[in-house]
Structure formats: structure tokens, C-alpha cells
Amino acid sequence: MESMTGFGRSEATGNGFTVTVEAKSVNHRSLSVSLKLPEIISCMEPETRKVIDGMFDRGRIRLDAAVELSAESGCRLSISMETARKYISAAELLSQDHDCISRMSAGELLNLPGVVESTEPEMLVREELTEAFRLSIAEALAELRENRRREGAVLAPLFLEGFSNIRELTAPVLVQQKKTVSERYLRLRERIADLTNDIKLDEDRMMQELALLADRSDVTEEVQRLMCHLDYAIEIVDSDASPIGRKLEFLIQEMHRELNTMGAKVDDPEQSLKVIEMKNILSSLKEQAANIE
């Protein structure tokens, strides 16, 4: 079992650079990937997305990368005076038309797109940077996956305990309800006999109708289906298969449906409380299943 919450980080150094990659993951109904790569390795975005798609099935994953160039790398910044002049001219024109201040500081100009350009470091070997980035991605995502699996391993016993508790609570409800069905049948016969007195009725037809009325309180079929869902859910949790989150969410939804039907049929206060308790357990497990891949 694997959670959708985790964090991974990796760092790799090379000749004149240091690459840092951080990967974070939170729960999401499907796989959603967000990348933030520096310009110098932006061409790696398609490959990075493909790697993430191959490793994960669910979760909102954000990957941030940074490349820090050393002073000895030979990186140089150049200012495009032509671009800066265009910004200044546009600001002056705007101030004339709208009566606003046109002065721009040097700092404001440097933050505008295209004014500052960096030249690729002389010492930088692009192949080396690419491989360092690939290595950092692999390590960060591996750590992210390990953390997700570690949290999933903690959640697995919670599911098994919850399913086991539901199974234990169901047994007495079924026994009591079977007894209730028989008692209801007898009560209905006595009531009809009191109401009809000496009126002659079709005994076979009356018994058939009474049996149908009493059978509407029988929860045997609901319990059987609930047990099947529980068995399958436990099998899924115990297996190493992935992804299982959507399967668990569906099974828990179906279990809840069976409990709703049981709750409508059960009229014994003590057994009704057991059904409510089972629903509460399922509600808690439903929240946990939303964080499982």
C-alpha cells in the first residue's frame, strides 16, 4: 500500500554547477504533475514528466529544480540596452497619454523580461549537467516513493483493524435480526387473528403475505454482500498490488450502501447502534482511502 503524501530531495554537483531537486506529493483523485525547472534545463521537462508518469498513478506531484553555477564556471550576465530603451520609451509614451510618472529605476528595468541575459558558462559541459539532473530526479523521486510507501505501511493496519471490527459487529446484528423476523411473523399472525375474529380467511394466502412482510426485515443478503466486500478489501490491502486507492474507495462506498439498507431494516435499538458504529468506521476509512494511491 502506498500513500499519496511524501517528500524527496536530491543534490548533485559537477564541474562548475550544483543541481538540486525537490519533489513533493499530496493526495489527488488522479495524477497531476507540476514542474518548475530553470531555463538552463527547461528542455528536460518532457523527459521529466515521462519519468513521473511511469512511476506514479495518483497524487498531485510538484517538482522544483534549481541549478547553482559557481563563480569559477565563467557564467556572464549581459544587459540588452536596446530592450531597456524600448521599455523606457514605452513608459514615457504611457505617461504622456495617461498623466502618470514615467521614471523607472534601474532595479525595475533589470526585472523586466529580456533586459538581462546570461551566457552559458565556459566550463559548463551540457551533457554533464543533463546527467546530473537525471540522477537528481531519479534519487528525489525514489525518496518520494519510499516515503509514500512508508506512510502507506502505517495506514494498512488501520484498514485491516477497521474491516475486522465491522465483521465482528455484523455477526450479532444478523443473529438478532433473524430472531426478529420470526418474532415479527408471529406478532403479525396474532394481530390479524385478533382483528378478524371469526372472519374466515384464506390461510395459505395470509401466511404468504405475512412471510413477505416479515422477510422485508431480513438482512441476510445485505450481510452476505458486505462480507464479500470485506473479504476483497482485506485481500487488496494485504497484497502488494498498486494502485489500490480507487478500488478501496469503491468497495467502501458499496459497504456503506449495504449498511444503509441494513439500517433501514433493523428496528432493534441495540443493533441499530451497531450499524451506526459500522458506518462511523467506514467514514473514517473513506477519508484514509482518499490518500491511498
C-alpha atoms as a PDB file:
ATOM      1  CA  MET A   1       0.000   0.000   0.000  1.00  0.00           C
ATOM      2  CA  GLU A   2       1.277   3.432  -0.935  1.00  0.00           C
ATOM      3  CA  SER A   3       0.159   6.807   0.385  1.00  0.00           C
ATOM      4  CA  MET A   4      -0.016   9.882  -1.839  1.00  0.00           C
ATOM      5  CA  THR A   5       1.794  12.099   0.674  1.00  0.00           C
ATOM      6  CA  GLY A   6       5.572  12.331   0.649  1.00  0.00           C
ATOM      7  CA  PHE A   7       8.714  14.339   0.030  1.00  0.00           C
ATOM      8  CA  GLY A   8      12.010  13.659  -1.717  1.00  0.00           C
ATOM      9  CA  ARG A   9      15.164  15.696  -2.227  1.00  0.00           C
ATOM     10  CA  SER A  10      18.458  15.177  -4.031  1.00  0.00           C
ATOM     11  CA  GLU A  11      21.547  17.171  -4.906  1.00  0.00           C
ATOM     12  CA  ALA A  12      24.281  16.552  -7.456  1.00  0.00           C
ATOM     13  CA  THR A  13      27.420  18.555  -8.187  1.00  0.00           C
ATOM     14  CA  GLY A  14      29.508  18.813 -11.308  1.00  0.00           C
ATOM     15  CA  ASN A  15      32.187  20.913 -12.918  1.00  0.00           C
ATOM     16  CA  GLY A  16      31.047  24.447 -12.087  1.00  0.00           C
ATOM     17  CA  PHE A  17      27.444  23.697 -11.033  1.00  0.00           C
ATOM     18  CA  THR A  18      25.189  22.183  -8.365  1.00  0.00           C
ATOM     19  CA  VAL A  19      21.780  20.711  -9.195  1.00  0.00           C
ATOM     20  CA  THR A  20      19.066  20.490  -6.503  1.00  0.00           C
ATOM     21  CA  VAL A  21      15.753  18.707  -6.996  1.00  0.00           C
ATOM     22  CA  GLU A  22      12.819  18.614  -4.560  1.00  0.00           C
ATOM     23  CA  ALA A  23       9.678  16.530  -5.133  1.00  0.00           C
ATOM     24  CA  LYS A  24       6.513  16.868  -3.059  1.00  0.00           C
ATOM     25  CA  SER A  25       3.289  14.887  -3.274  1.00  0.00           C
ATOM     26  CA  VAL A  26      -0.204  15.284  -1.796  1.00  0.00           C
ATOM     27  CA  ASN A  27      -3.436  13.417  -2.432  1.00  0.00           C
ATOM     28  CA  HIS A  28      -5.415  13.917  -5.629  1.00  0.00           C
ATOM     29  CA  ARG A  29      -8.013  11.803  -7.445  1.00  0.00           C
ATOM     30  CA  SER A  30      -5.687  11.365 -10.435  1.00  0.00           C
ATOM     31  CA  LEU A  31      -2.081  12.163 -11.334  1.00  0.00           C
ATOM     32  CA  SER A  32      -1.355  15.887 -11.542  1.00  0.00           C
ATOM     33  CA  VAL A  33       2.231  16.990 -12.248  1.00  0.00           C
ATOM     34  CA  SER A  34       3.637  20.485 -11.791  1.00  0.00           C
ATOM     35  CA  LEU A  35       7.232  21.265 -12.792  1.00  0.00           C
ATOM     36  CA  LYS A  36       9.430  24.261 -12.105  1.00  0.00           C
ATOM     37  CA  LEU A  37      12.717  23.978 -13.978  1.00  0.00           C
ATOM     38  CA  PRO A  38      15.343  26.669 -14.528  1.00  0.00           C
ATOM     39  CA  GLU A  39      15.813  27.938 -18.063  1.00  0.00           C
ATOM     40  CA  ILE A  40      19.144  26.186 -18.477  1.00  0.00           C
ATOM     41  CA  ILE A  41      17.482  22.734 -18.203  1.00  0.00           C
ATOM     42  CA  SER A  42      13.948  23.592 -19.360  1.00  0.00           C
ATOM     43  CA  CYS A  43      14.393  21.280 -22.355  1.00  0.00           C
ATOM     44  CA  MET A  44      14.264  18.355 -19.885  1.00  0.00           C
ATOM     45  CA  GLU A  45      10.614  18.955 -18.999  1.00  0.00           C
ATOM     46  CA  PRO A  46       9.061  16.351 -21.371  1.00  0.00           C
ATOM     47  CA  GLU A  47      11.504  13.685 -20.195  1.00  0.00           C
ATOM     48  CA  THR A  48      10.856  14.565 -16.546  1.00  0.00           C
ATOM     49  CA  ARG A  49       7.101  14.297 -16.985  1.00  0.00           C
ATOM     50  CA  LYS A  50       7.512  10.923 -18.653  1.00  0.00           C
ATOM     51  CA  VAL A  51       9.583   9.635 -15.720  1.00  0.00           C
ATOM     52  CA  ILE A  52       6.974  10.777 -13.190  1.00  0.00           C
ATOM     53  CA  ASP A  53       4.108   9.309 -15.243  1.00  0.00           C
ATOM     54  CA  GLY A  54       5.928   5.986 -15.277  1.00  0.00           C
ATOM     55  CA  MET A  55       6.407   5.901 -11.504  1.00  0.00           C
ATOM     56  CA  PHE A  56       3.117   7.190 -10.074  1.00  0.00           C
ATOM     57  CA  ASP A  57      -0.583   6.714 -10.761  1.00  0.00           C
ATOM     58  CA  ARG A  58      -2.206   9.182  -8.362  1.00  0.00           C
ATOM     59  CA  GLY A  59      -1.291  12.308  -6.448  1.00  0.00           C
ATOM     60  CA  ARG A  60      -0.571  15.966  -7.020  1.00  0.00           C
ATOM     61  CA  ILE A  61       3.199  15.970  -7.559  1.00  0.00           C
ATOM     62  CA  ARG A  62       5.260  19.155  -7.649  1.00  0.00           C
ATOM     63  CA  LEU A  63       8.902  19.010  -8.690  1.00  0.00           C
ATOM     64  CA  ASP A  64      11.189  22.024  -8.221  1.00  0.00           C
ATOM     65  CA  ALA A  65      14.717  22.077  -9.631  1.00  0.00           C
ATOM     66  CA  ALA A  66      17.485  24.623  -9.266  1.00  0.00           C
ATOM     67  CA  VAL A  67      20.913  24.971 -10.873  1.00  0.00           C
ATOM     68  CA  GLU A  68      23.511  26.981  -8.983  1.00  0.00           C
ATOM     69  CA  LEU A  69      26.561  27.991 -11.017  1.00  0.00           C
ATOM     70  CA  SER A  70      29.875  28.519  -9.255  1.00  0.00           C
ATOM     71  CA  ALA A  71      31.865  31.734  -9.609  1.00  0.00           C
ATOM     72  CA  GLU A  72      34.576  29.820 -11.441  1.00  0.00           C
ATOM     73  CA  SER A  73      32.193  28.488 -14.067  1.00  0.00           C
ATOM     74  CA  GLY A  74      32.625  31.502 -16.322  1.00  0.00           C
ATOM     75  CA  CYS A  75      28.949  32.499 -16.334  1.00  0.00           C
ATOM     76  CA  ARG A  76      28.414  36.065 -17.527  1.00  0.00           C
ATOM     77  CA  LEU A  77      25.422  38.387 -17.455  1.00  0.00           C
ATOM     78  CA  SER A  78      24.800  40.822 -20.296  1.00  0.00           C
ATOM     79  CA  ILE A  79      22.352  43.716 -20.412  1.00  0.00           C
ATOM     80  CA  SER A  80      20.379  44.393 -23.570  1.00  0.00           C
ATOM     81  CA  MET A  81      20.441  48.183 -23.749  1.00  0.00           C
ATOM     82  CA  GLU A  82      18.185  48.128 -26.802  1.00  0.00           C
ATOM     83  CA  THR A  83      15.461  46.245 -24.868  1.00  0.00           C
ATOM     84  CA  ALA A  84      15.860  48.583 -21.885  1.00  0.00           C
ATOM     85  CA  ARG A  85      15.444  51.648 -24.143  1.00  0.00           C
ATOM     86  CA  LYS A  86      12.231  50.217 -25.564  1.00  0.00           C
ATOM     87  CA  TYR A  87      10.798  49.771 -22.070  1.00  0.00           C
ATOM     88  CA  ILE A  88      11.765  53.359 -21.151  1.00  0.00           C
ATOM     89  CA  SER A  89      10.224  54.749 -24.349  1.00  0.00           C
ATOM     90  CA  ALA A  90       7.030  52.784 -23.757  1.00  0.00           C
ATOM     91  CA  ALA A  91       6.842  54.104 -20.176  1.00  0.00           C
ATOM     92  CA  GLU A  92       7.274  57.711 -21.370  1.00  0.00           C
ATOM     93  CA  LEU A  93       4.592  57.274 -24.010  1.00  0.00           C
ATOM     94  CA  LEU A  94       2.225  55.770 -21.435  1.00  0.00           C
ATOM     95  CA  SER A  95       2.843  58.664 -19.016  1.00  0.00           C
ATOM     96  CA  GLN A  96       2.001  61.261 -21.703  1.00  0.00           C
ATOM     97  CA  ASP A  97      -1.300  59.586 -22.579  1.00  0.00           C
ATOM     98  CA  HIS A  98      -2.415  58.865 -19.005  1.00  0.00           C
ATOM     99  CA  ASP A  99      -0.682  61.580 -16.964  1.00  0.00           C
ATOM    100  CA  CYS A 100       1.390  59.260 -14.778  1.00  0.00           C
ATOM    101  CA  ILE A 101       5.026  59.112 -13.680  1.00  0.00           C
ATOM    102  CA  SER A 102       7.326  57.620 -16.310  1.00  0.00           C
ATOM    103  CA  ARG A 103      10.558  57.288 -14.329  1.00  0.00           C
ATOM    104  CA  MET A 104      11.789  53.718 -13.888  1.00  0.00           C
ATOM    105  CA  SER A 105      14.614  52.660 -11.594  1.00  0.00           C
ATOM    106  CA  ALA A 106      17.498  50.516 -12.779  1.00  0.00           C
ATOM    107  CA  GLY A 107      16.312  47.713 -10.486  1.00  0.00           C
ATOM    108  CA  GLU A 108      12.845  47.750 -12.038  1.00  0.00           C
ATOM    109  CA  LEU A 109      14.360  47.606 -15.526  1.00  0.00           C
ATOM    110  CA  LEU A 110      16.558  44.623 -14.635  1.00  0.00           C
ATOM    111  CA  ASN A 111      13.482  42.622 -13.567  1.00  0.00           C
ATOM    112  CA  LEU A 112      11.758  43.073 -16.937  1.00  0.00           C
ATOM    113  CA  PRO A 113      11.908  40.180 -19.437  1.00  0.00           C
ATOM    114  CA  GLY A 114      14.735  40.350 -21.964  1.00  0.00           C
ATOM    115  CA  VAL A 115      16.754  43.098 -20.276  1.00  0.00           C
ATOM    116  CA  VAL A 116      19.233  40.729 -18.588  1.00  0.00           C
ATOM    117  CA  GLU A 117      20.599  37.726 -20.433  1.00  0.00           C
ATOM    118  CA  SER A 118      23.055  35.147 -19.167  1.00  0.00           C
ATOM    119  CA  THR A 119      25.660  33.460 -21.305  1.00  0.00           C
ATOM    120  CA  GLU A 120      26.297  29.791 -20.850  1.00  0.00           C
ATOM    121  CA  PRO A 121      29.346  29.192 -18.626  1.00  0.00           C
ATOM    122  CA  GLU A 122      32.541  28.435 -20.468  1.00  0.00           C
ATOM    123  CA  MET A 123      33.355  25.498 -18.172  1.00  0.00           C
ATOM    124  CA  LEU A 124      29.858  24.022 -18.329  1.00  0.00           C
ATOM    125  CA  VAL A 125      29.551  20.698 -20.133  1.00  0.00           C
ATOM    126  CA  ARG A 126      25.888  20.389 -21.019  1.00  0.00           C
ATOM    127  CA  GLU A 127      25.968  16.587 -21.151  1.00  0.00           C
ATOM    128  CA  GLU A 128      27.363  16.537 -17.620  1.00  0.00           C
ATOM    129  CA  LEU A 129      24.629  18.901 -16.401  1.00  0.00           C
ATOM    130  CA  THR A 130      21.935  16.798 -18.079  1.00  0.00           C
ATOM    131  CA  GLU A 131      23.173  13.589 -16.474  1.00  0.00           C
ATOM    132  CA  ALA A 132      23.427  15.282 -13.076  1.00  0.00           C
ATOM    133  CA  PHE A 133      19.839  16.467 -13.436  1.00  0.00           C
ATOM    134  CA  ARG A 134      18.651  12.976 -14.417  1.00  0.00           C
ATOM    135  CA  LEU A 135      20.445  11.491 -11.422  1.00  0.00           C
ATOM    136  CA  SER A 136      18.939  14.061  -9.048  1.00  0.00           C
ATOM    137  CA  ILE A 137      15.442  13.445 -10.411  1.00  0.00           C
ATOM    138  CA  ALA A 138      15.801   9.683 -10.033  1.00  0.00           C
ATOM    139  CA  GLU A 139      17.045   9.989  -6.437  1.00  0.00           C
ATOM    140  CA  ALA A 140      14.443  12.578  -5.394  1.00  0.00           C
ATOM    141  CA  LEU A 141      11.566  10.564  -6.879  1.00  0.00           C
ATOM    142  CA  ALA A 142      12.903   7.352  -5.333  1.00  0.00           C
ATOM    143  CA  GLU A 143      12.952   9.021  -1.917  1.00  0.00           C
ATOM    144  CA  LEU A 144       9.459  10.388  -2.541  1.00  0.00           C
ATOM    145  CA  ARG A 145       8.191   6.911  -3.391  1.00  0.00           C
ATOM    146  CA  GLU A 146       9.871   5.385  -0.344  1.00  0.00           C
ATOM    147  CA  ASN A 147       8.244   7.964   1.933  1.00  0.00           C
ATOM    148  CA  ARG A 148       4.867   7.336   0.321  1.00  0.00           C
ATOM    149  CA  ARG A 149       5.264   3.597   0.860  1.00  0.00           C
ATOM    150  CA  ARG A 150       6.387   4.117   4.453  1.00  0.00           C
ATOM    151  CA  GLU A 151       3.238   6.107   5.213  1.00  0.00           C
ATOM    152  CA  GLY A 152       1.146   3.534   3.350  1.00  0.00           C
ATOM    153  CA  ALA A 153       2.594   0.791   5.558  1.00  0.00           C
ATOM    154  CA  VAL A 154       1.359   2.714   8.590  1.00  0.00           C
ATOM    155  CA  LEU A 155      -2.143   3.062   7.114  1.00  0.00           C
ATOM    156  CA  ALA A 156      -2.551  -0.614   6.172  1.00  0.00           C
ATOM    157  CA  PRO A 157      -3.135  -1.861   9.767  1.00  0.00           C
ATOM    158  CA  LEU A 158      -5.808   0.836  10.230  1.00  0.00           C
ATOM    159  CA  PHE A 159      -7.779  -0.584   7.304  1.00  0.00           C
ATOM    160  CA  LEU A 160      -7.373  -4.186   8.478  1.00  0.00           C
ATOM    161  CA  GLU A 161      -8.466  -3.278  12.012  1.00  0.00           C
ATOM    162  CA  GLY A 162     -11.469  -1.335  10.733  1.00  0.00           C
ATOM    163  CA  PHE A 163     -12.608  -4.146   8.429  1.00  0.00           C
ATOM    164  CA  SER A 164     -12.163  -6.671  11.253  1.00  0.00           C
ATOM    165  CA  ASN A 165     -14.259  -4.554  13.624  1.00  0.00           C
ATOM    166  CA  ILE A 166     -17.051  -4.296  11.051  1.00  0.00           C
ATOM    167  CA  ARG A 167     -17.040  -8.073  10.623  1.00  0.00           C
ATOM    168  CA  GLU A 168     -17.348  -8.575  14.393  1.00  0.00           C
ATOM    169  CA  LEU A 169     -20.166  -6.053  14.688  1.00  0.00           C
ATOM    170  CA  THR A 170     -22.109  -7.607  11.805  1.00  0.00           C
ATOM    171  CA  ALA A 171     -22.441 -11.092  13.288  1.00  0.00           C
ATOM    172  CA  PRO A 172     -24.711 -10.203  16.251  1.00  0.00           C
ATOM    173  CA  VAL A 173     -26.813  -7.934  14.039  1.00  0.00           C
ATOM    174  CA  LEU A 174     -27.540 -10.847  11.691  1.00  0.00           C
ATOM    175  CA  VAL A 175     -28.361 -13.241  14.560  1.00  0.00           C
ATOM    176  CA  GLN A 176     -30.669 -10.767  16.268  1.00  0.00           C
ATOM    177  CA  GLN A 177     -32.391  -9.774  13.044  1.00  0.00           C
ATOM    178  CA  LYS A 178     -33.131 -13.412  12.135  1.00  0.00           C
ATOM    179  CA  LYS A 179     -34.766 -13.747  15.530  1.00  0.00           C
ATOM    180  CA  THR A 180     -36.662 -10.502  14.944  1.00  0.00           C
ATOM    181  CA  VAL A 181     -38.020 -11.772  11.605  1.00  0.00           C
ATOM    182  CA  SER A 182     -39.536 -14.847  13.284  1.00  0.00           C
ATOM    183  CA  GLU A 183     -40.963 -12.778  16.121  1.00  0.00           C
ATOM    184  CA  ARG A 184     -42.466 -10.278  13.695  1.00  0.00           C
ATOM    185  CA  TYR A 185     -44.146 -13.084  11.755  1.00  0.00           C
ATOM    186  CA  LEU A 186     -45.759 -14.435  14.935  1.00  0.00           C
ATOM    187  CA  ARG A 187     -46.838 -10.976  16.085  1.00  0.00           C
ATOM    188  CA  LEU A 188     -48.450 -10.273  12.729  1.00  0.00           C
ATOM    189  CA  ARG A 189     -50.392 -13.569  12.839  1.00  0.00           C
ATOM    190  CA  GLU A 190     -51.656 -12.840  16.321  1.00  0.00           C
ATOM    191  CA  ARG A 191     -52.629  -9.315  15.370  1.00  0.00           C
ATOM    192  CA  ILE A 192     -54.536 -10.432  12.296  1.00  0.00           C
ATOM    193  CA  ALA A 193     -56.297 -13.130  14.305  1.00  0.00           C
ATOM    194  CA  ASP A 194     -57.411 -10.530  16.847  1.00  0.00           C
ATOM    195  CA  LEU A 195     -58.639  -8.169  14.147  1.00  0.00           C
ATOM    196  CA  THR A 196     -60.509 -10.729  12.022  1.00  0.00           C
ATOM    197  CA  ASN A 197     -62.104 -12.686  14.896  1.00  0.00           C
ATOM    198  CA  ASP A 198     -64.460 -15.202  13.265  1.00  0.00           C
ATOM    199  CA  ILE A 199     -63.923 -13.956   9.717  1.00  0.00           C
ATOM    200  CA  LYS A 200     -62.693 -16.807   7.577  1.00  0.00           C
ATOM    201  CA  LEU A 201     -59.520 -16.021   5.579  1.00  0.00           C
ATOM    202  CA  ASP A 202     -57.503 -17.896   3.017  1.00  0.00           C
ATOM    203  CA  GLU A 203     -54.886 -19.364   5.360  1.00  0.00           C
ATOM    204  CA  ASP A 204     -52.310 -20.061   2.650  1.00  0.00           C
ATOM    205  CA  ARG A 205     -52.592 -16.581   1.159  1.00  0.00           C
ATOM    206  CA  MET A 206     -52.409 -14.976   4.584  1.00  0.00           C
ATOM    207  CA  MET A 207     -49.293 -16.934   5.528  1.00  0.00           C
ATOM    208  CA  GLN A 208     -47.685 -15.973   2.230  1.00  0.00           C
ATOM    209  CA  GLU A 209     -48.354 -12.270   2.770  1.00  0.00           C
ATOM    210  CA  LEU A 210     -47.163 -12.424   6.357  1.00  0.00           C
ATOM    211  CA  ALA A 211     -43.957 -14.134   5.269  1.00  0.00           C
ATOM    212  CA  LEU A 212     -43.310 -11.399   2.721  1.00  0.00           C
ATOM    213  CA  LEU A 213     -43.870  -8.678   5.309  1.00  0.00           C
ATOM    214  CA  ALA A 214     -41.568 -10.369   7.808  1.00  0.00           C
ATOM    215  CA  ASP A 215     -38.939 -11.047   5.145  1.00  0.00           C
ATOM    216  CA  ARG A 216     -38.566  -7.338   4.496  1.00  0.00           C
ATOM    217  CA  SER A 217     -36.706  -7.155   7.805  1.00  0.00           C
ATOM    218  CA  ASP A 218     -34.257  -9.905   6.856  1.00  0.00           C
ATOM    219  CA  VAL A 219     -30.694  -8.612   6.382  1.00  0.00           C
ATOM    220  CA  THR A 220     -29.102 -11.898   5.296  1.00  0.00           C
ATOM    221  CA  GLU A 221     -28.439 -10.789   1.720  1.00  0.00           C
ATOM    222  CA  GLU A 222     -27.001  -7.442   2.803  1.00  0.00           C
ATOM    223  CA  VAL A 223     -24.693  -9.170   5.282  1.00  0.00           C
ATOM    224  CA  GLN A 224     -23.534 -11.656   2.660  1.00  0.00           C
ATOM    225  CA  ARG A 225     -22.667  -8.881   0.221  1.00  0.00           C
ATOM    226  CA  LEU A 226     -20.975  -6.912   2.993  1.00  0.00           C
ATOM    227  CA  MET A 227     -18.832  -9.945   3.876  1.00  0.00           C
ATOM    228  CA  CYS A 228     -17.818 -10.364   0.227  1.00  0.00           C
ATOM    229  CA  HIS A 229     -16.766  -6.699   0.051  1.00  0.00           C
ATOM    230  CA  LEU A 230     -14.814  -7.059   3.304  1.00  0.00           C
ATOM    231  CA  ASP A 231     -13.003 -10.180   2.087  1.00  0.00           C
ATOM    232  CA  TYR A 232     -11.996  -8.486  -1.148  1.00  0.00           C
ATOM    233  CA  ALA A 233     -10.916  -5.294   0.616  1.00  0.00           C
ATOM    234  CA  ILE A 234      -8.715  -7.240   3.055  1.00  0.00           C
ATOM    235  CA  GLU A 235      -7.217  -9.176   0.152  1.00  0.00           C
ATOM    236  CA  ILE A 236      -6.354  -5.915  -1.620  1.00  0.00           C
ATOM    237  CA  VAL A 237      -4.761  -4.361   1.460  1.00  0.00           C
ATOM    238  CA  ASP A 238      -2.682  -7.499   2.120  1.00  0.00           C
ATOM    239  CA  SER A 239      -1.449  -7.677  -1.472  1.00  0.00           C
ATOM    240  CA  ASP A 240       1.468  -5.780  -2.975  1.00  0.00           C
ATOM    241  CA  ALA A 241      -0.655  -4.652  -5.929  1.00  0.00           C
ATOM    242  CA  SER A 242      -0.738  -0.994  -6.898  1.00  0.00           C
ATOM    243  CA  PRO A 243      -2.680   1.196  -7.416  1.00  0.00           C
ATOM    244  CA  ILE A 244      -5.447   0.192  -4.984  1.00  0.00           C
ATOM    245  CA  GLY A 245      -6.869   3.548  -3.824  1.00  0.00           C
ATOM    246  CA  ARG A 246      -9.770   3.672  -6.279  1.00  0.00           C
ATOM    247  CA  LYS A 247     -10.667   0.034  -5.579  1.00  0.00           C
ATOM    248  CA  LEU A 248     -10.779   0.682  -1.847  1.00  0.00           C
ATOM    249  CA  GLU A 249     -12.886   3.815  -2.325  1.00  0.00           C
ATOM    250  CA  PHE A 250     -15.368   1.869  -4.457  1.00  0.00           C
ATOM    251  CA  LEU A 251     -15.589  -1.066  -2.012  1.00  0.00           C
ATOM    252  CA  ILE A 252     -16.074   1.251   0.960  1.00  0.00           C
ATOM    253  CA  GLN A 253     -18.843   3.017  -0.949  1.00  0.00           C
ATOM    254  CA  GLU A 254     -20.548  -0.331  -1.634  1.00  0.00           C
ATOM    255  CA  MET A 255     -20.188  -1.378   2.026  1.00  0.00           C
ATOM    256  CA  HIS A 256     -21.797   1.872   3.083  1.00  0.00           C
ATOM    257  CA  ARG A 257     -24.695   1.169   0.730  1.00  0.00           C
ATOM    258  CA  GLU A 258     -25.284  -2.244   2.315  1.00  0.00           C
ATOM    259  CA  LEU A 259     -25.168  -0.719   5.792  1.00  0.00           C
ATOM    260  CA  ASN A 260     -27.717   1.907   4.778  1.00  0.00           C
ATOM    261  CA  THR A 261     -30.101  -0.865   3.720  1.00  0.00           C
ATOM    262  CA  MET A 262     -29.424  -2.789   6.923  1.00  0.00           C
ATOM    263  CA  GLY A 263     -30.055   0.319   8.999  1.00  0.00           C
ATOM    264  CA  ALA A 264     -33.436   0.801   7.336  1.00  0.00           C
ATOM    265  CA  LYS A 265     -34.449  -2.787   8.167  1.00  0.00           C
ATOM    266  CA  VAL A 266     -33.123  -3.070  11.711  1.00  0.00           C
ATOM    267  CA  ASP A 267     -35.615  -1.909  14.362  1.00  0.00           C
ATOM    268  CA  ASP A 268     -33.833  -3.134  17.494  1.00  0.00           C
ATOM    269  CA  PRO A 269     -32.164  -0.104  19.202  1.00  0.00           C
ATOM    270  CA  GLU A 270     -29.067  -2.035  20.240  1.00  0.00           C
ATOM    271  CA  GLN A 271     -28.493  -3.411  16.747  1.00  0.00           C
ATOM    272  CA  SER A 272     -29.175  -0.002  15.197  1.00  0.00           C
ATOM    273  CA  LEU A 273     -26.333   1.397  17.286  1.00  0.00           C
ATOM    274  CA  LYS A 274     -24.052  -1.320  15.911  1.00  0.00           C
ATOM    275  CA  VAL A 275     -24.969  -0.322  12.345  1.00  0.00           C
ATOM    276  CA  ILE A 276     -24.232   3.327  13.171  1.00  0.00           C
ATOM    277  CA  GLU A 277     -20.873   2.319  14.646  1.00  0.00           C
ATOM    278  CA  MET A 278     -20.013   0.414  11.466  1.00  0.00           C
ATOM    279  CA  LYS A 279     -20.917   3.461   9.388  1.00  0.00           C
ATOM    280  CA  ASN A 280     -18.613   5.605  11.517  1.00  0.00           C
ATOM    281  CA  ILE A 281     -15.756   3.169  10.955  1.00  0.00           C
ATOM    282  CA  LEU A 282     -16.355   3.262   7.205  1.00  0.00           C
ATOM    283  CA  SER A 283     -16.448   7.055   7.166  1.00  0.00           C
ATOM    284  CA  SER A 284     -13.034   7.138   8.828  1.00  0.00           C
ATOM    285  CA  LEU A 285     -11.642   4.578   6.368  1.00  0.00           C
ATOM    286  CA  LYS A 286     -13.101   6.522   3.441  1.00  0.00           C
ATOM    287  CA  GLU A 287     -11.018   9.554   4.435  1.00  0.00           C
ATOM    288  CA  GLN A 288      -7.896   7.398   4.639  1.00  0.00           C
ATOM    289  CA  ALA A 289      -8.619   5.734   1.262  1.00  0.00           C
ATOM    290  CA  ALA A 290      -8.644   9.183  -0.358  1.00  0.00           C
ATOM    291  CA  ASN A 291      -4.900   9.371   0.422  1.00  0.00           C
ATOM    292  CA  ILE A 292      -4.004   5.944  -0.996  1.00  0.00           C
ATOM    293  CA  GLU A 293      -2.532   5.554  -4.472  1.00  0.00           C
END
